[in-house]
Protein backbone atom coordinates (compact mmCIF):
# COMPACT_ATOMS: atom_id res chain seq x y z
CA MET A 1 -29.74 17.45 -7.98
CA SER A 2 -27.36 19.58 -6.04
CA LYS A 3 -27.59 20.16 -2.30
CA SER A 4 -28.00 23.58 -0.75
CA THR A 5 -25.17 25.04 1.27
CA SER A 6 -27.13 24.49 4.51
CA GLU A 7 -27.68 20.82 3.67
CA VAL A 8 -24.02 20.31 3.04
CA GLU A 9 -23.13 22.08 6.28
CA MET A 10 -25.55 19.94 8.22
CA LEU A 11 -24.14 16.74 6.62
CA TYR A 12 -20.64 17.82 7.34
CA GLY A 13 -21.62 18.54 11.03
CA GLU A 14 -23.15 15.12 11.35
CA VAL A 15 -20.16 13.38 9.87
CA HIS A 16 -17.79 15.51 12.05
CA ARG A 17 -19.81 14.71 15.17
CA ARG A 18 -19.78 10.95 14.50
CA MET A 19 -16.06 11.03 13.83
CA ILE A 20 -15.32 12.75 17.14
CA GLU A 21 -17.74 10.48 19.08
CA ASN A 22 -16.13 7.23 17.93
CA GLY A 23 -12.54 8.46 18.05
CA GLU A 24 -12.01 8.36 14.33
CA TRP A 25 -11.31 12.17 14.08
CA ASP A 26 -8.38 11.87 16.54
CA ARG A 27 -7.10 8.73 14.85
CA ILE A 28 -7.10 10.37 11.34
CA LEU A 29 -5.60 13.61 12.74
CA HIS A 30 -2.77 11.67 14.39
CA LEU A 31 -2.11 9.72 11.22
CA LEU A 32 -2.11 12.94 9.14
CA SER A 33 0.30 14.58 11.60
CA SER A 34 2.59 11.52 11.37
CA LYS A 35 2.49 11.35 7.58
CA LEU A 36 3.21 15.04 7.19
CA SER A 37 6.10 14.86 9.57
CA GLU A 38 7.56 11.76 7.85
CA SER A 39 7.36 13.44 4.44
CA GLY A 40 9.23 16.48 5.64
CA TRP A 41 6.24 18.76 5.05
CA THR A 42 6.18 19.99 8.70
CA ASP A 43 9.90 20.78 8.79
CA ASP A 44 9.57 22.63 5.44
CA LEU A 45 6.73 24.76 6.70
CA LEU A 46 8.62 25.53 9.90
CA HIS A 47 11.71 26.49 7.87
CA ARG A 48 9.67 28.78 5.65
CA ALA A 49 8.09 30.48 8.71
CA LYS A 50 11.47 31.07 10.25
CA GLU A 51 12.88 32.49 7.00
CA ASN A 52 9.84 34.80 6.37
CA SER A 53 10.08 36.06 10.06
CA ARG A 54 13.80 36.86 9.68
CA THR A 55 13.23 39.04 6.59
CA MET A 56 10.01 40.76 7.82
CA ASP A 57 10.04 44.22 9.16
CA PRO A 58 7.96 44.85 11.14
CA LEU A 59 7.36 41.28 12.35
CA SER A 60 3.66 40.19 12.00
CA LEU A 61 2.30 36.80 12.95
CA GLN A 62 -0.81 37.42 10.81
CA THR A 63 1.31 38.22 7.68
CA ILE A 64 3.46 35.16 8.26
CA LEU A 65 0.33 32.97 8.56
CA GLN A 66 -1.14 34.46 5.33
CA GLU A 67 1.99 33.90 3.35
CA LEU A 68 2.35 30.33 4.50
CA LEU A 69 -1.30 29.31 4.15
CA LEU A 70 -1.39 28.81 0.34
CA HIS A 71 1.99 26.98 0.40
CA ALA A 72 0.76 24.80 3.23
CA GLN A 73 -2.40 23.89 1.32
CA THR A 74 -0.78 23.27 -1.96
CA SER A 75 2.35 21.37 -0.74
CA VAL A 76 0.68 18.47 1.11
CA PRO A 77 2.03 15.33 -0.64
CA LEU A 78 -0.49 13.80 -2.94
CA SER A 79 0.02 10.33 -1.42
CA VAL A 80 -0.96 11.80 2.05
CA LYS A 81 -4.02 13.52 0.67
CA ARG A 82 -5.12 10.28 -1.02
CA GLU A 83 -4.63 8.13 2.11
CA ILE A 84 -6.47 10.60 4.37
CA THR A 85 -9.26 11.08 1.80
CA THR A 86 -9.71 7.30 1.43
CA LEU A 87 -10.03 6.88 5.24
CA ILE A 88 -12.65 9.64 5.37
CA LYS A 89 -14.56 8.17 2.48
CA GLN A 90 -14.52 4.71 4.12
CA PHE A 91 -15.78 6.23 7.38
CA VAL A 92 -18.68 8.09 5.65
CA LYS A 93 -19.59 4.88 3.66
CA GLU A 94 -19.64 2.81 6.77
CA GLN A 95 -21.76 5.30 8.71
CA PHE A 96 -24.42 6.09 6.20
CA GLU A 97 -24.85 2.66 4.50
CA LYS A 98 -25.96 0.96 7.70
């Protein structure tokens, strides 16, 4: 049985609230930032943004962001995705199996 969009949004909101309340959100966010930096992902994205802005006429922040969004989403290293996903799954399991 599939959940309705509103049920999924409510569940997401509850998980997010609990993560913020107990500090897990900040801990995972810090870990994600560190892992992305260590992997060179952050530097690569910054380099791409600089290159795009140098060749863009007229310069548009919104256009740069649109061009980088797909690359940013698809270039996160698989090992980082797996590690962060595992942490989130563990948190959800711990919170809702009590």
